[in-house]
């Protein structure tokens, strides 16, 4: 990996090394006073995935800031995970009717198109319901297929995680998975289900993942760049 340009700032309040990326995409490394700065390149090597993802988010935020309402609100939504494409229409809604209506391959958003933030929020709520309808049953199917049970599942709009698993074997899925190709989605399911056995990323964990998904290394690398499938309006940290 070619290390990114960065600046170093010593802080009396810092107890650990912290990385910070500004809105302009500049990387700052904050270290405790007296920290051996020769260790920084090794830390950046280990944190390369985080740096890449954080930089992508910053770039998307900057793109959105300069986007027009027409670019912010979709006229068509493609959900690769479930092979669905919907045409989107916007109709002015009253205070009592701010919602969505789906019929066939058409999705109607009952909200004023001149208020893109409200429309985005309505679309994200619709995505959450859509994900619960499709992703959780799919997760149950994969769970039964590989015989790794979980206790319960929910859908959220995490900023950086595609999924997570708790010590109680509760799995949380990101509704943005709907935009990803189905092999990547299935890999996320296998990954999180394996966490019901190993709640870490040890050798034993990856060995278990490999038993159920032999191509996991390539899929994991592709997942690191999967944010490109997600449209700007679907990001929960916007608007």
Protein backbone atom coordinates (compact mmCIF):
# COMPACT_ATOMS: atom_id res chain seq x y z
CA UNK A 1 0.00 0.00 0.00
CA UNK A 2 1.20 3.52 -0.82
CA UNK A 3 0.72 5.50 2.36
CA UNK A 4 -1.45 8.61 2.06
CA UNK A 5 -0.10 12.05 2.89
CA UNK A 6 -0.72 12.88 6.52
CA UNK A 7 0.10 15.33 9.26
CA UNK A 8 0.90 14.50 12.87
CA UNK A 9 -0.41 16.34 15.93
CA UNK A 10 0.70 15.59 19.48
CA UNK A 11 -1.98 15.89 22.13
CA UNK A 12 -1.68 15.87 25.92
CA UNK A 13 -5.25 14.52 26.10
CA UNK A 14 -4.71 11.62 23.67
CA UNK A 15 -4.28 8.19 25.26
CA UNK A 16 -4.10 6.30 21.97
CA UNK A 17 -3.33 7.00 18.34
CA UNK A 18 -6.37 8.45 16.57
CA UNK A 19 -6.93 9.05 12.87
CA UNK A 20 -9.01 11.97 11.64
CA UNK A 21 -9.98 12.86 8.08
CA UNK A 22 -11.12 16.42 7.46
CA UNK A 23 -13.93 17.47 5.12
CA UNK A 24 -11.25 18.25 2.56
CA UNK A 25 -9.97 14.67 2.75
CA UNK A 26 -6.80 15.48 4.69
CA UNK A 27 -5.55 12.76 7.04
CA UNK A 28 -4.39 13.81 10.50
CA UNK A 29 -2.72 11.41 12.94
CA UNK A 30 -3.22 12.41 16.57
CA UNK A 31 -0.72 10.84 18.97
CA UNK A 32 0.00 11.08 22.71
CA UNK A 33 2.81 13.40 23.70
CA UNK A 34 6.16 11.61 23.28
CA UNK A 35 4.80 8.86 21.04
CA UNK A 36 7.39 7.18 18.77
CA UNK A 37 6.31 8.51 15.37
CA UNK A 38 8.32 5.84 13.55
CA UNK A 39 5.42 3.50 14.40
CA UNK A 40 2.89 5.55 12.42
CA UNK A 41 3.47 3.98 8.96
CA UNK A 42 2.78 0.52 10.41
CA UNK A 43 -0.44 1.78 12.03
CA UNK A 44 -1.59 3.30 8.74
CA UNK A 45 -0.90 0.00 6.97
CA UNK A 46 -3.19 -1.81 9.42
CA UNK A 47 -5.86 0.87 9.13
CA UNK A 48 -5.87 1.05 5.33
CA UNK A 49 -9.43 -0.30 4.99
CA UNK A 50 -10.77 2.30 7.44
CA UNK A 51 -8.88 5.09 5.66
CA UNK A 52 -10.27 3.99 2.29
CA UNK A 53 -13.86 3.81 3.53
CA UNK A 54 -13.66 7.11 5.40
CA UNK A 55 -12.19 8.85 2.35
CA UNK A 56 -15.01 7.45 0.20
CA UNK A 57 -17.61 8.83 2.62
CA UNK A 58 -15.99 12.27 2.57
CA UNK A 59 -15.97 12.27 -1.23
CA UNK A 60 -19.64 11.31 -1.33
CA UNK A 61 -20.54 14.06 1.13
CA UNK A 62 -18.70 16.62 -1.00
CA UNK A 63 -20.45 15.33 -4.12
CA UNK A 64 -23.83 15.65 -2.45
CA UNK A 65 -23.10 19.18 -1.32
CA UNK A 66 -22.74 20.27 -4.94
CA UNK A 67 -25.49 18.03 -6.34
CA UNK A 68 -28.75 19.40 -7.72
CA UNK A 69 -32.13 18.17 -6.40
CA UNK A 70 -32.55 16.15 -9.60
CA UNK A 71 -29.32 14.27 -8.82
CA UNK A 72 -30.22 13.81 -5.18
CA UNK A 73 -33.64 12.23 -5.77
CA UNK A 74 -33.77 9.08 -7.89
CA UNK A 75 -36.18 8.53 -10.77
CA UNK A 76 -35.26 4.85 -10.77
CA UNK A 77 -34.03 2.52 -8.05
CA UNK A 78 -32.13 -0.69 -8.82
CA UNK A 79 -31.89 -3.23 -6.02
CA UNK A 80 -29.30 -5.71 -7.30
CA UNK A 81 -29.60 -8.01 -4.29
CA UNK A 82 -33.19 -8.95 -5.11
CA UNK A 83 -33.13 -8.22 -8.88
CA UNK A 84 -35.73 -5.45 -8.71
CA UNK A 85 -35.82 -2.12 -10.54
CA UNK A 86 -38.50 0.42 -9.69
CA UNK A 87 -39.57 3.66 -11.33
CA UNK A 88 -40.05 6.47 -8.84
CA UNK A 89 -42.66 9.23 -9.02
CA UNK A 90 -43.05 12.13 -6.58
CA UNK A 91 -46.44 13.59 -5.70
CA UNK A 92 -47.11 16.46 -3.34
CA UNK A 93 -48.32 15.11 -0.03
CA UNK A 94 -50.20 16.78 2.77
CA UNK A 95 -49.06 16.94 6.36
CA UNK A 96 -51.22 13.89 6.99
CA UNK A 97 -49.79 11.94 4.05
CA UNK A 98 -46.03 11.73 3.80
CA UNK A 99 -45.33 8.16 2.75
CA UNK A 100 -44.63 5.75 -0.11
CA UNK A 101 -46.82 3.44 -2.15
CA UNK A 102 -45.38 0.52 -4.09
CA UNK A 103 -47.25 -1.30 -6.82
CA UNK A 104 -45.52 -3.59 -9.25
CA UNK A 105 -42.39 -1.87 -10.50
CA UNK A 106 -43.62 1.60 -9.53
CA UNK A 107 -42.92 3.47 -6.33
CA UNK A 108 -44.83 6.65 -5.48
CA UNK A 109 -43.38 9.03 -2.92
CA UNK A 110 -46.08 11.21 -1.37
CA UNK A 111 -43.97 14.24 -0.55
CA UNK A 112 -42.96 17.54 -2.13
CA UNK A 113 -40.08 16.98 -4.57
CA UNK A 114 -38.94 20.50 -3.73
CA UNK A 115 -38.00 19.23 -0.26
CA UNK A 116 -35.36 16.62 -1.11
CA UNK A 117 -34.34 15.99 2.51
CA UNK A 118 -37.86 14.86 3.38
CA UNK A 119 -38.09 12.72 0.25
CA UNK A 120 -34.75 11.09 1.05
CA UNK A 121 -35.88 10.25 4.57
CA UNK A 122 -39.09 8.69 3.24
CA UNK A 123 -37.11 6.63 0.73
CA UNK A 124 -34.74 5.41 3.44
CA UNK A 125 -37.69 4.32 5.58
CA UNK A 126 -39.06 2.46 2.59
CA UNK A 127 -35.64 0.81 2.11
CA UNK A 128 -35.71 -0.32 5.73
CA UNK A 129 -39.09 -1.98 5.28
CA UNK A 130 -37.97 -3.52 1.99
CA UNK A 131 -34.86 -4.91 3.66
CA UNK A 132 -36.86 -6.44 6.50
CA UNK A 133 -39.13 -8.07 3.95
CA UNK A 134 -36.33 -9.60 1.90
CA UNK A 135 -33.03 -9.70 3.80
CA UNK A 136 -34.15 -11.27 7.07
CA UNK A 137 -35.89 -14.27 5.43
CA UNK A 138 -32.84 -14.66 3.20
CA UNK A 139 -30.59 -14.64 6.28
CA UNK A 140 -32.77 -17.34 7.87
CA UNK A 141 -32.44 -19.43 4.72
CA UNK A 142 -28.63 -19.18 4.72
CA UNK A 143 -28.60 -19.89 8.47
CA UNK A 144 -30.49 -23.14 7.91
CA UNK A 145 -28.34 -24.04 4.93
CA UNK A 146 -25.04 -23.85 6.85
CA UNK A 147 -26.55 -24.85 10.21
CA UNK A 148 -25.46 -21.75 12.13
CA UNK A 149 -28.47 -20.45 14.08
CA UNK A 150 -28.95 -16.91 15.37
CA UNK A 151 -31.39 -15.60 17.96
CA UNK A 152 -32.89 -12.60 16.16
CA UNK A 153 -32.21 -10.15 13.35
CA UNK A 154 -32.95 -6.49 12.66
CA UNK A 155 -32.36 -3.93 9.92
CA UNK A 156 -30.57 -0.63 10.44
CA UNK A 157 -28.87 2.07 8.40
CA UNK A 158 -25.31 1.84 9.71
CA UNK A 159 -22.81 4.34 8.36
CA UNK A 160 -19.93 1.92 7.82
CA UNK A 161 -20.96 -1.63 8.73
CA UNK A 162 -22.74 -3.98 6.35
CA UNK A 163 -23.72 -6.15 9.29
CA UNK A 164 -22.88 -7.01 12.88
CA UNK A 165 -23.40 -9.80 15.39
CA UNK A 166 -23.67 -9.51 19.18
CA UNK A 167 -22.67 -11.93 21.91
CA UNK A 168 -26.32 -12.92 22.15
CA UNK A 169 -26.22 -14.00 18.49
CA UNK A 170 -28.35 -11.06 17.43
CA UNK A 171 -27.57 -10.01 13.88
CA UNK A 172 -28.05 -6.51 12.51
CA UNK A 173 -28.14 -5.96 8.74
CA UNK A 174 -27.65 -2.75 6.81
CA UNK A 175 -30.53 -1.92 4.46
CA UNK A 176 -27.94 -0.71 1.93
CA UNK A 177 -27.19 -4.38 1.26
CA UNK A 178 -30.16 -4.23 -1.11
CA UNK A 179 -27.98 -2.34 -3.60
CA UNK A 180 -25.19 -4.94 -3.65
CA UNK A 181 -24.87 -7.95 -5.97
CA UNK A 182 -26.35 -11.03 -4.34
CA UNK A 183 -23.00 -12.93 -3.94
CA UNK A 184 -21.73 -10.08 -1.74
CA UNK A 185 -24.93 -10.06 0.31
CA UNK A 186 -24.74 -13.80 0.88
CA UNK A 187 -21.10 -13.42 1.93
CA UNK A 188 -22.13 -10.82 4.54
CA UNK A 189 -24.70 -13.29 5.87
CA UNK A 190 -22.11 -16.08 6.10
CA UNK A 191 -19.63 -13.71 7.73
CA UNK A 192 -22.05 -12.60 10.44
CA UNK A 193 -23.38 -16.12 11.04
CA UNK A 194 -19.81 -17.32 11.62
CA UNK A 195 -19.56 -14.63 14.29
CA UNK A 196 -22.17 -16.57 16.26
CA UNK A 197 -19.37 -19.09 16.83
CA UNK A 198 -16.30 -16.82 16.90
CA UNK A 199 -16.96 -13.23 17.92
CA UNK A 200 -13.64 -12.08 16.49
CA UNK A 201 -11.53 -12.25 13.33
CA UNK A 202 -9.18 -14.98 14.49
CA UNK A 203 -7.72 -17.74 12.33
CA UNK A 204 -10.47 -20.05 13.59
CA UNK A 205 -13.09 -17.55 12.45
CA UNK A 206 -11.68 -17.26 8.93
CA UNK A 207 -11.28 -21.03 8.72
CA UNK A 208 -14.99 -21.39 9.50
CA UNK A 209 -15.90 -18.73 6.94
CA UNK A 210 -13.81 -20.60 4.36
CA UNK A 211 -15.72 -23.80 5.01
CA UNK A 212 -18.97 -22.17 3.93
CA UNK A 213 -17.59 -19.68 1.38
CA UNK A 214 -14.34 -20.87 -0.27
CA UNK A 215 -14.02 -17.60 -2.25
CA UNK A 216 -14.31 -15.44 0.86
CA UNK A 217 -10.98 -13.64 0.34
CA UNK A 218 -12.01 -12.22 -3.04
CA UNK A 219 -15.50 -11.42 -1.79
CA UNK A 220 -14.10 -9.65 1.26
CA UNK A 221 -11.84 -7.50 -0.93
CA UNK A 222 -14.76 -6.64 -3.20
CA UNK A 223 -16.90 -5.76 -0.19
CA UNK A 224 -14.33 -3.14 0.80
CA UNK A 225 -15.23 -1.27 -2.39
CA UNK A 226 -18.96 -2.06 -2.43
CA UNK A 227 -19.91 1.44 -1.31
CA UNK A 228 -19.84 2.38 -4.99
CA UNK A 229 -23.12 0.51 -5.46
CA UNK A 230 -24.94 2.71 -2.92
CA UNK A 231 -26.58 5.92 -4.20
CA UNK A 232 -25.99 9.16 -2.31
CA UNK A 233 -29.60 9.57 -1.21
CA UNK A 234 -29.55 6.22 0.61
CA UNK A 235 -26.84 7.26 3.05
CA UNK A 236 -28.31 7.71 6.55
CA UNK A 237 -25.83 10.46 7.46
CA UNK A 238 -27.14 12.79 4.80
CA UNK A 239 -30.03 15.17 4.99
